[in-house]
Amino acid sequence: MIPITKRFLLVDDDPLSNYITKMILKKSFDKVHINDFTTPEDGLEFMKSEPSQNPPDGKTTLFLDINMPSISGWEYLEEVELFDASIKEQYNIYILS
């Protein structure tokens, strides 16, 4: 049996939080692919440009911080709502605060 690679996207302006989350995820799963961004706009651009790279073996889990200086997590979610359904359906989104 081939293990499924778990995919995560971290969007949090705190690099230490991203680092700790990455370490926990790497210890929790055999195969994991993590992209992290401290600038929410970069995370949005990644989501827009990345859909063709998302494997068919499952959705990407997005851990999204709510309190960020440039745009809030709520504003981030409003931007995601404008995405094509083919992009949105590839993500499970969890809010962090």
PDB file of N, CA and C in Angstrom:
ATOM      1  N   MET A   1       0.832  -1.178   0.000  1.00  0.00           N
ATOM      2  CA  MET A   1       0.000   0.000   0.000  1.00  0.00           C
ATOM      3  C   MET A   1       0.883   1.250   0.000  1.00  0.00           C
ATOM      4  N   ILE A   2       0.580   2.164  -0.911  1.00  0.00           N
ATOM      5  CA  ILE A   2       1.346   3.405  -1.019  1.00  0.00           C
ATOM      6  C   ILE A   2       0.746   4.432  -0.057  1.00  0.00           C
ATOM      7  N   PRO A   3       1.588   4.986   0.847  1.00  0.00           N
ATOM      8  CA  PRO A   3       1.045   5.968   1.789  1.00  0.00           C
ATOM      9  C   PRO A   3       0.648   7.256   1.066  1.00  0.00           C
ATOM     10  N   ILE A   4      -0.445   7.843   1.503  1.00  0.00           N
ATOM     11  CA  ILE A   4      -0.931   9.089   0.920  1.00  0.00           C
ATOM     12  C   ILE A   4      -0.146  10.253   1.521  1.00  0.00           C
ATOM     13  N   THR A   5       0.264  11.169   0.655  1.00  0.00           N
ATOM     14  CA  THR A   5       0.941  12.368   1.116  1.00  0.00           C
ATOM     15  C   THR A   5      -0.104  13.368   1.589  1.00  0.00           C
ATOM     16  N   LYS A   6      -0.015  13.750   2.837  1.00  0.00           N
ATOM     17  CA  LYS A   6      -0.901  14.766   3.394  1.00  0.00           C
ATOM     18  C   LYS A   6      -0.349  16.133   3.000  1.00  0.00           C
ATOM     19  N   ARG A   7      -1.246  17.013   2.537  1.00  0.00           N
ATOM     20  CA  ARG A   7      -0.841  18.339   2.082  1.00  0.00           C
ATOM     21  C   ARG A   7      -1.429  19.409   3.001  1.00  0.00           C
ATOM     22  N   PHE A   8      -0.569  20.368   3.369  1.00  0.00           N
ATOM     23  CA  PHE A   8      -0.976  21.443   4.255  1.00  0.00           C
ATOM     24  C   PHE A   8      -0.512  22.780   3.706  1.00  0.00           C
ATOM     25  N   LEU A   9      -1.328  23.791   3.938  1.00  0.00           N
ATOM     26  CA  LEU A   9      -0.990  25.166   3.631  1.00  0.00           C
ATOM     27  C   LEU A   9      -1.159  25.951   4.921  1.00  0.00           C
ATOM     28  N   LEU A  10      -0.097  26.627   5.357  1.00  0.00           N
ATOM     29  CA  LEU A  10      -0.129  27.415   6.585  1.00  0.00           C
ATOM     30  C   LEU A  10      -0.053  28.886   6.206  1.00  0.00           C
ATOM     31  N   VAL A  11      -1.001  29.673   6.684  1.00  0.00           N
ATOM     32  CA  VAL A  11      -0.976  31.120   6.457  1.00  0.00           C
ATOM     33  C   VAL A  11      -1.088  31.780   7.824  1.00  0.00           C
ATOM     34  N   ASP A  12       0.049  32.256   8.309  1.00  0.00           N
ATOM     35  CA  ASP A  12       0.126  32.871   9.640  1.00  0.00           C
ATOM     36  C   ASP A  12       1.281  33.860   9.603  1.00  0.00           C
ATOM     37  N   ASP A  13       1.068  35.072  10.079  1.00  0.00           N
ATOM     38  CA  ASP A  13       2.117  36.088  10.048  1.00  0.00           C
ATOM     39  C   ASP A  13       3.231  35.830  11.058  1.00  0.00           C
ATOM     40  N   ASP A  14       3.058  34.860  11.926  1.00  0.00           N
ATOM     41  CA  ASP A  14       4.066  34.542  12.947  1.00  0.00           C
ATOM     42  C   ASP A  14       4.924  33.355  12.482  1.00  0.00           C
ATOM     43  N   PRO A  15       6.189  33.613  12.121  1.00  0.00           N
ATOM     44  CA  PRO A  15       7.042  32.518  11.637  1.00  0.00           C
ATOM     45  C   PRO A  15       7.243  31.402  12.670  1.00  0.00           C
ATOM     46  N   LEU A  16       7.258  31.750  13.945  1.00  0.00           N
ATOM     47  CA  LEU A  16       7.429  30.728  14.985  1.00  0.00           C
ATOM     48  C   LEU A  16       6.228  29.786  15.018  1.00  0.00           C
ATOM     49  N   SER A  17       5.036  30.328  14.891  1.00  0.00           N
ATOM     50  CA  SER A  17       3.833  29.475  14.850  1.00  0.00           C
ATOM     51  C   SER A  17       3.884  28.536  13.652  1.00  0.00           C
ATOM     52  N   ASN A  18       4.286  29.051  12.499  1.00  0.00           N
ATOM     53  CA  ASN A  18       4.411  28.199  11.314  1.00  0.00           C
ATOM     54  C   ASN A  18       5.443  27.101  11.545  1.00  0.00           C
ATOM     55  N   TYR A  19       6.557  27.447  12.152  1.00  0.00           N
ATOM     56  CA  TYR A  19       7.624  26.471  12.408  1.00  0.00           C
ATOM     57  C   TYR A  19       7.126  25.356  13.338  1.00  0.00           C
ATOM     58  N   ILE A  20       6.476  25.736  14.421  1.00  0.00           N
ATOM     59  CA  ILE A  20       5.984  24.747  15.382  1.00  0.00           C
ATOM     60  C   ILE A  20       4.932  23.846  14.726  1.00  0.00           C
ATOM     61  N   THR A  21       4.029  24.448  13.963  1.00  0.00           N
ATOM     62  CA  THR A  21       2.998  23.654  13.274  1.00  0.00           C
ATOM     63  C   THR A  21       3.639  22.681  12.294  1.00  0.00           C
ATOM     64  N   LYS A  22       4.650  23.130  11.557  1.00  0.00           N
ATOM     65  CA  LYS A  22       5.342  22.238  10.613  1.00  0.00           C
ATOM     66  C   LYS A  22       5.984  21.063  11.333  1.00  0.00           C
ATOM     67  N   MET A  23       6.629  21.328  12.454  1.00  0.00           N
ATOM     68  CA  MET A  23       7.285  20.251  13.191  1.00  0.00           C
ATOM     69  C   MET A  23       6.255  19.227  13.692  1.00  0.00           C
ATOM     70  N   ILE A  24       5.135  19.707  14.190  1.00  0.00           N
ATOM     71  CA  ILE A  24       4.085  18.805  14.676  1.00  0.00           C
ATOM     72  C   ILE A  24       3.535  17.966  13.526  1.00  0.00           C
ATOM     73  N   LEU A  25       3.279  18.594  12.385  1.00  0.00           N
ATOM     74  CA  LEU A  25       2.734  17.866  11.230  1.00  0.00           C
ATOM     75  C   LEU A  25       3.719  16.816  10.722  1.00  0.00           C
ATOM     76  N   LYS A  26       4.990  17.167  10.685  1.00  0.00           N
ATOM     77  CA  LYS A  26       6.009  16.216  10.205  1.00  0.00           C
ATOM     78  C   LYS A  26       6.127  15.013  11.134  1.00  0.00           C
ATOM     79  N   LYS A  27       5.918  15.219  12.424  1.00  0.00           N
ATOM     80  CA  LYS A  27       5.974  14.101  13.370  1.00  0.00           C
ATOM     81  C   LYS A  27       4.682  13.289  13.362  1.00  0.00           C
ATOM     82  N   SER A  28       3.596  13.896  12.900  1.00  0.00           N
ATOM     83  CA  SER A  28       2.290  13.240  12.948  1.00  0.00           C
ATOM     84  C   SER A  28       1.971  12.379  11.732  1.00  0.00           C
ATOM     85  N   PHE A  29       2.612  12.670  10.596  1.00  0.00           N
ATOM     86  CA  PHE A  29       2.300  11.963   9.353  1.00  0.00           C
ATOM     87  C   PHE A  29       3.574  11.427   8.714  1.00  0.00           C
ATOM     88  N   ASP A  30       3.455  10.237   8.088  1.00  0.00           N
ATOM     89  CA  ASP A  30       4.606   9.637   7.413  1.00  0.00           C
ATOM     90  C   ASP A  30       5.047  10.476   6.221  1.00  0.00           C
ATOM     91  N   LYS A  31       4.091  10.828   5.379  1.00  0.00           N
ATOM     92  CA  LYS A  31       4.396  11.629   4.193  1.00  0.00           C
ATOM     93  C   LYS A  31       3.586  12.911   4.268  1.00  0.00           C
ATOM     94  N   VAL A  32       4.287  14.041   4.268  1.00  0.00           N
ATOM     95  CA  VAL A  32       3.619  15.325   4.399  1.00  0.00           C
ATOM     96  C   VAL A  32       4.289  16.348   3.479  1.00  0.00           C
ATOM     97  N   HIS A  33       3.474  17.193   2.866  1.00  0.00           N
ATOM     98  CA  HIS A  33       3.965  18.290   2.038  1.00  0.00           C
ATOM     99  C   HIS A  33       3.369  19.571   2.610  1.00  0.00           C
ATOM    100  N   ILE A  34       4.234  20.523   3.004  1.00  0.00           N
ATOM    101  CA  ILE A  34       3.773  21.735   3.674  1.00  0.00           C
ATOM    102  C   ILE A  34       4.292  22.961   2.942  1.00  0.00           C
ATOM    103  N   ASN A  35       3.372  23.870   2.633  1.00  0.00           N
ATOM    104  CA  ASN A  35       3.735  25.196   2.146  1.00  0.00           C
ATOM    105  C   ASN A  35       3.294  26.171   3.218  1.00  0.00           C
ATOM    106  N   ASP A  36       4.159  27.127   3.566  1.00  0.00           N
ATOM    107  CA  ASP A  36       3.774  28.093   4.588  1.00  0.00           C
ATOM    108  C   ASP A  36       4.091  29.503   4.118  1.00  0.00           C
ATOM    109  N   PHE A  37       3.240  30.414   4.551  1.00  0.00           N
ATOM    110  CA  PHE A  37       3.374  31.811   4.168  1.00  0.00           C
ATOM    111  C   PHE A  37       3.131  32.694   5.374  1.00  0.00           C
ATOM    112  N   THR A  38       3.976  33.724   5.538  1.00  0.00           N
ATOM    113  CA  THR A  38       3.784  34.701   6.600  1.00  0.00           C
ATOM    114  C   THR A  38       3.084  35.952   6.068  1.00  0.00           C
ATOM    115  N   THR A  39       2.924  36.031   4.759  1.00  0.00           N
ATOM    116  CA  THR A  39       2.193  37.124   4.124  1.00  0.00           C
ATOM    117  C   THR A  39       0.933  36.533   3.494  1.00  0.00           C
ATOM    118  N   PRO A  40      -0.243  36.927   3.964  1.00  0.00           N
ATOM    119  CA  PRO A  40      -1.466  36.312   3.461  1.00  0.00           C
ATOM    120  C   PRO A  40      -1.653  36.476   1.954  1.00  0.00           C
ATOM    121  N   GLU A  41      -1.222  37.593   1.408  1.00  0.00           N
ATOM    122  CA  GLU A  41      -1.355  37.805  -0.035  1.00  0.00           C
ATOM    123  C   GLU A  41      -0.579  36.746  -0.820  1.00  0.00           C
ATOM    124  N   ASP A  42       0.567  36.333  -0.284  1.00  0.00           N
ATOM    125  CA  ASP A  42       1.354  35.273  -0.936  1.00  0.00           C
ATOM    126  C   ASP A  42       0.604  33.941  -0.885  1.00  0.00           C
ATOM    127  N   GLY A  43      -0.075  33.687   0.219  1.00  0.00           N
ATOM    128  CA  GLY A  43      -0.875  32.471   0.335  1.00  0.00           C
ATOM    129  C   GLY A  43      -2.007  32.452  -0.667  1.00  0.00           C
ATOM    130  N   LEU A  44      -2.657  33.602  -0.862  1.00  0.00           N
ATOM    131  CA  LEU A  44      -3.733  33.694  -1.853  1.00  0.00           C
ATOM    132  C   LEU A  44      -3.208  33.448  -3.262  1.00  0.00           C
ATOM    133  N   GLU A  45      -2.069  34.043  -3.576  1.00  0.00           N
ATOM    134  CA  GLU A  45      -1.467  33.849  -4.905  1.00  0.00           C
ATOM    135  C   GLU A  45      -1.103  32.385  -5.127  1.00  0.00           C
ATOM    136  N   PHE A  46      -0.589  31.749  -4.091  1.00  0.00           N
ATOM    137  CA  PHE A  46      -0.255  30.330  -4.190  1.00  0.00           C
ATOM    138  C   PHE A  46      -1.499  29.506  -4.493  1.00  0.00           C
ATOM    139  N   MET A  47      -2.580  29.788  -3.774  1.00  0.00           N
ATOM    140  CA  MET A  47      -3.823  29.045  -3.987  1.00  0.00           C
ATOM    141  C   MET A  47      -4.342  29.232  -5.408  1.00  0.00           C
ATOM    142  N   LYS A  48      -4.213  30.439  -5.946  1.00  0.00           N
ATOM    143  CA  LYS A  48      -4.679  30.716  -7.308  1.00  0.00           C
ATOM    144  C   LYS A  48      -3.842  29.980  -8.348  1.00  0.00           C
ATOM    145  N   SER A  49      -2.543  29.892  -8.117  1.00  0.00           N
ATOM    146  CA  SER A  49      -1.638  29.345  -9.131  1.00  0.00           C
ATOM    147  C   SER A  49      -1.380  27.855  -8.984  1.00  0.00           C
ATOM    148  N   GLU A  50      -1.750  27.270  -7.855  1.00  0.00           N
ATOM    149  CA  GLU A  50      -1.358  25.906  -7.511  1.00  0.00           C
ATOM    150  C   GLU A  50      -2.372  24.814  -7.835  1.00  0.00           C
ATOM    151  N   PRO A  51      -3.592  25.076  -8.265  1.00  0.00           N
ATOM    152  CA  PRO A  51      -4.592  24.004  -8.314  1.00  0.00           C
ATOM    153  C   PRO A  51      -4.223  22.797  -9.158  1.00  0.00           C
ATOM    154  N   SER A  52      -3.507  22.986 -10.235  1.00  0.00           N
ATOM    155  CA  SER A  52      -3.168  21.847 -11.093  1.00  0.00           C
ATOM    156  C   SER A  52      -2.157  20.921 -10.431  1.00  0.00           C
ATOM    157  N   GLN A  53      -1.483  21.408  -9.390  1.00  0.00           N
ATOM    158  CA  GLN A  53      -0.483  20.591  -8.700  1.00  0.00           C
ATOM    159  C   GLN A  53      -1.085  19.775  -7.567  1.00  0.00           C
ATOM    160  N   ASN A  54      -2.334  20.027  -7.231  1.00  0.00           N
ATOM    161  CA  ASN A  54      -2.962  19.334  -6.109  1.00  0.00           C
ATOM    162  C   ASN A  54      -3.266  17.891  -6.522  1.00  0.00           C
ATOM    163  N   PRO A  55      -2.720  16.911  -5.829  1.00  0.00           N
ATOM    164  CA  PRO A  55      -2.897  15.514  -6.224  1.00  0.00           C
ATOM    165  C   PRO A  55      -4.323  15.012  -5.993  1.00  0.00           C
ATOM    166  N   PRO A  56      -4.707  13.975  -6.690  1.00  0.00           N
ATOM    167  CA  PRO A  56      -6.067  13.455  -6.548  1.00  0.00           C
ATOM    168  C   PRO A  56      -6.298  12.649  -5.271  1.00  0.00           C
ATOM    169  N   ASP A  57      -5.280  12.502  -4.433  1.00  0.00           N
ATOM    170  CA  ASP A  57      -5.419  11.647  -3.246  1.00  0.00           C
ATOM    171  C   ASP A  57      -5.959  12.371  -2.017  1.00  0.00           C
ATOM    172  N   GLY A  58      -6.524  13.524  -2.187  1.00  0.00           N
ATOM    173  CA  GLY A  58      -7.120  14.203  -1.038  1.00  0.00           C
ATOM    174  C   GLY A  58      -6.985  15.700  -1.109  1.00  0.00           C
ATOM    175  N   LYS A  59      -7.693  16.359  -0.213  1.00  0.00           N
ATOM    176  CA  LYS A  59      -7.681  17.808  -0.161  1.00  0.00           C
ATOM    177  C   LYS A  59      -6.478  18.319   0.612  1.00  0.00           C
ATOM    178  N   THR A  60      -6.152  19.575   0.372  1.00  0.00           N
ATOM    179  CA  THR A  60      -5.127  20.266   1.135  1.00  0.00           C
ATOM    180  C   THR A  60      -5.804  20.912   2.335  1.00  0.00           C
ATOM    181  N   THR A  61      -5.193  20.787   3.490  1.00  0.00           N
ATOM    182  CA  THR A  61      -5.707  21.423   4.701  1.00  0.00           C
ATOM    183  C   THR A  61      -5.034  22.777   4.858  1.00  0.00           C
ATOM    184  N   LEU A  62      -5.851  23.822   4.944  1.00  0.00           N
ATOM    185  CA  LEU A  62      -5.360  25.180   5.147  1.00  0.00           C
ATOM    186  C   LEU A  62      -5.579  25.564   6.595  1.00  0.00           C
ATOM    187  N   PHE A  63      -4.489  25.898   7.289  1.00  0.00           N
ATOM    188  CA  PHE A  63      -4.569  26.460   8.632  1.00  0.00           C
ATOM    189  C   PHE A  63      -4.375  27.960   8.488  1.00  0.00           C
ATOM    190  N   LEU A  64      -5.416  28.732   8.791  1.00  0.00           N
ATOM    191  CA  LEU A  64      -5.448  30.164   8.541  1.00  0.00           C
ATOM    192  C   LEU A  64      -5.545  30.947   9.844  1.00  0.00           C
ATOM    193  N   ASP A  65      -4.589  31.841  10.053  1.00  0.00           N
ATOM    194  CA  ASP A  65      -4.609  32.725  11.217  1.00  0.00           C
ATOM    195  C   ASP A  65      -5.640  33.831  10.976  1.00  0.00           C
ATOM    196  N   ILE A  66      -6.336  34.237  12.006  1.00  0.00           N
ATOM    197  CA  ILE A  66      -7.331  35.300  11.879  1.00  0.00           C
ATOM    198  C   ILE A  66      -6.699  36.684  12.036  1.00  0.00           C
ATOM    199  N   ASN A  67      -5.817  36.833  13.010  1.00  0.00           N
ATOM    200  CA  ASN A  67      -5.239  38.148  13.308  1.00  0.00           C
ATOM    201  C   ASN A  67      -3.906  38.331  12.591  1.00  0.00           C
ATOM    202  N   MET A  68      -3.963  39.021  11.452  1.00  0.00           N
ATOM    203  CA  MET A  68      -2.754  39.323  10.681  1.00  0.00           C
ATOM    204  C   MET A  68      -2.781  40.803  10.334  1.00  0.00           C
ATOM    205  N   PRO A  69      -1.617  41.429  10.183  1.00  0.00           N
ATOM    206  CA  PRO A  69      -1.584  42.885  10.019  1.00  0.00           C
ATOM    207  C   PRO A  69      -2.042  43.411   8.647  1.00  0.00           C
ATOM    208  N   SER A  70      -1.717  42.749   7.562  1.00  0.00           N
ATOM    209  CA  SER A  70      -2.054  43.306   6.251  1.00  0.00           C
ATOM    210  C   SER A  70      -3.508  43.058   5.876  1.00  0.00           C
ATOM    211  N   ILE A  71      -3.935  41.804   5.887  1.00  0.00           N
ATOM    212  CA  ILE A  71      -5.352  41.476   5.745  1.00  0.00           C
ATOM    213  C   ILE A  71      -5.667  40.425   6.806  1.00  0.00           C
ATOM    214  N   SER A  72      -6.859  40.493   7.332  1.00  0.00           N
ATOM    215  CA  SER A  72      -7.234  39.537   8.382  1.00  0.00           C
ATOM    216  C   SER A  72      -7.603  38.195   7.751  1.00  0.00           C
ATOM    217  N   GLY A  73      -7.730  37.194   8.578  1.00  0.00           N
ATOM    218  CA  GLY A  73      -8.173  35.894   8.101  1.00  0.00           C
ATOM    219  C   GLY A  73      -9.567  35.954   7.509  1.00  0.00           C
ATOM    220  N   TRP A  74     -10.414  36.826   8.074  1.00  0.00           N
ATOM    221  CA  TRP A  74     -11.772  36.983   7.548  1.00  0.00           C
ATOM    222  C   TRP A  74     -11.727  37.562   6.130  1.00  0.00           C
ATOM    223  N   GLU A  75     -10.859  38.553   5.924  1.00  0.00           N
ATOM    224  CA  GLU A  75     -10.699  39.123   4.579  1.00  0.00           C
ATOM    225  C   GLU A  75     -10.110  38.096   3.621  1.00  0.00           C
ATOM    226  N   TYR A  76      -9.217  37.272   4.134  1.00  0.00           N
ATOM    227  CA  TYR A  76      -8.636  36.189   3.335  1.00  0.00           C
ATOM    228  C   TYR A  76      -9.743  35.259   2.843  1.00  0.00           C
ATOM    229  N   LEU A  77     -10.641  34.883   3.756  1.00  0.00           N
ATOM    230  CA  LEU A  77     -11.752  34.004   3.393  1.00  0.00           C
ATOM    231  C   LEU A  77     -12.674  34.655   2.363  1.00  0.00           C
ATOM    232  N   GLU A  78     -12.879  35.964   2.473  1.00  0.00           N
ATOM    233  CA  GLU A  78     -13.691  36.670   1.477  1.00  0.00           C
ATOM    234  C   GLU A  78     -13.052  36.580   0.098  1.00  0.00           C
ATOM    235  N   GLU A  79     -11.721  36.687   0.040  1.00  0.00           N
ATOM    236  CA  GLU A  79     -11.014  36.552  -1.238  1.00  0.00           C
ATOM    237  C   GLU A  79     -11.131  35.131  -1.782  1.00  0.00           C
ATOM    238  N   VAL A  80     -11.010  34.142  -0.915  1.00  0.00           N
ATOM    239  CA  VAL A  80     -11.126  32.743  -1.335  1.00  0.00           C
ATOM    240  C   VAL A  80     -12.520  32.483  -1.906  1.00  0.00           C
ATOM    241  N   GLU A  81     -13.539  33.121  -1.335  1.00  0.00           N
ATOM    242  CA  GLU A  81     -14.910  32.946  -1.831  1.00  0.00           C
ATOM    243  C   GLU A  81     -15.039  33.355  -3.296  1.00  0.00           C
ATOM    244  N   LEU A  82     -14.181  34.249  -3.764  1.00  0.00           N
ATOM    245  CA  LEU A  82     -14.225  34.724  -5.151  1.00  0.00           C
ATOM    246  C   LEU A  82     -13.538  33.760  -6.118  1.00  0.00           C
ATOM    247  N   PHE A  83     -12.800  32.791  -5.589  1.00  0.00           N
ATOM    248  CA  PHE A  83     -12.093  31.821  -6.428  1.00  0.00           C
ATOM    249  C   PHE A  83     -13.083  30.925  -7.156  1.00  0.00           C
ATOM    250  N   ASP A  84     -12.623  30.355  -8.231  1.00  0.00           N
ATOM    251  CA  ASP A  84     -13.398  29.353  -8.957  1.00  0.00           C
ATOM    252  C   ASP A  84     -13.648  28.151  -8.042  1.00  0.00           C
ATOM    253  N   ALA A  85     -14.796  27.526  -8.212  1.00  0.00           N
ATOM    254  CA  ALA A  85     -15.157  26.371  -7.383  1.00  0.00           C
ATOM    255  C   ALA A  85     -14.123  25.256  -7.480  1.00  0.00           C
ATOM    256  N   SER A  86     -13.473  25.111  -8.627  1.00  0.00           N
ATOM    257  CA  SER A  86     -12.468  24.049  -8.793  1.00  0.00           C
ATOM    258  C   SER A  86     -11.272  24.251  -7.862  1.00  0.00           C
ATOM    259  N   ILE A  87     -11.011  25.484  -7.469  1.00  0.00           N
ATOM    260  CA  ILE A  87      -9.927  25.765  -6.508  1.00  0.00           C
ATOM    261  C   ILE A  87     -10.443  25.564  -5.090  1.00  0.00           C
ATOM    262  N   LYS A  88     -11.605  26.147  -4.781  1.00  0.00           N
ATOM    263  CA  LYS A  88     -12.137  26.084  -3.411  1.00  0.00           C
ATOM    264  C   LYS A  88     -12.378  24.655  -2.941  1.00  0.00           C
ATOM    265  N   GLU A  89     -12.808  23.786  -3.839  1.00  0.00           N
ATOM    266  CA  GLU A  89     -13.133  22.421  -3.427  1.00  0.00           C
ATOM    267  C   GLU A  89     -11.895  21.594  -3.097  1.00  0.00           C
ATOM    268  N   GLN A  90     -10.734  22.117  -3.353  1.00  0.00           N
ATOM    269  CA  GLN A  90      -9.496  21.396  -3.057  1.00  0.00           C
ATOM    270  C   GLN A  90      -8.980  21.636  -1.646  1.00  0.00           C
ATOM    271  N   TYR A  91      -9.689  22.471  -0.863  1.00  0.00           N
ATOM    272  CA  TYR A  91      -9.195  22.866   0.450  1.00  0.00           C
ATOM    273  C   TYR A  91     -10.215  22.605   1.549  1.00  0.00           C
ATOM    274  N   ASN A  92      -9.704  22.164   2.682  1.00  0.00           N
ATOM    275  CA  ASN A  92     -10.429  22.174   3.956  1.00  0.00           C
ATOM    276  C   ASN A  92      -9.776  23.277   4.767  1.00  0.00           C
ATOM    277  N   ILE A  93     -10.554  24.233   5.233  1.00  0.00           N
ATOM    278  CA  ILE A  93      -9.991  25.409   5.900  1.00  0.00           C
ATOM    279  C   ILE A  93     -10.320  25.368   7.389  1.00  0.00           C
ATOM    280  N   TYR A  94      -9.273  25.568   8.190  1.00  0.00           N
ATOM    281  CA  TYR A  94      -9.402  25.628   9.645  1.00  0.00           C
ATOM    282  C   TYR A  94      -8.833  26.961  10.127  1.00  0.00           C
ATOM    283  N   ILE A  95      -9.567  27.616  11.001  1.00  0.00           N
ATOM    284  CA  ILE A  95      -9.191  28.921  11.520  1.00  0.00           C
ATOM    285  C   ILE A  95      -8.339  28.746  12.772  1.00  0.00           C
ATOM    286  N   LEU A  96      -7.260  29.542  12.832  1.00  0.00           N
ATOM    287  CA  LEU A  96      -6.413  29.594  14.017  1.00  0.00           C
ATOM    288  C   LEU A  96      -6.472  31.006  14.577  1.00  0.00           C
ATOM    289  N   SER A  97      -6.328  31.134  15.884  1.00  0.00           N
ATOM    290  CA  SER A  97      -6.320  32.472  16.460  1.00  0.00           C
ATOM    291  C   SER A  97      -5.405  32.502  17.675  1.00  0.00           C
TER     292      SER A  97
END
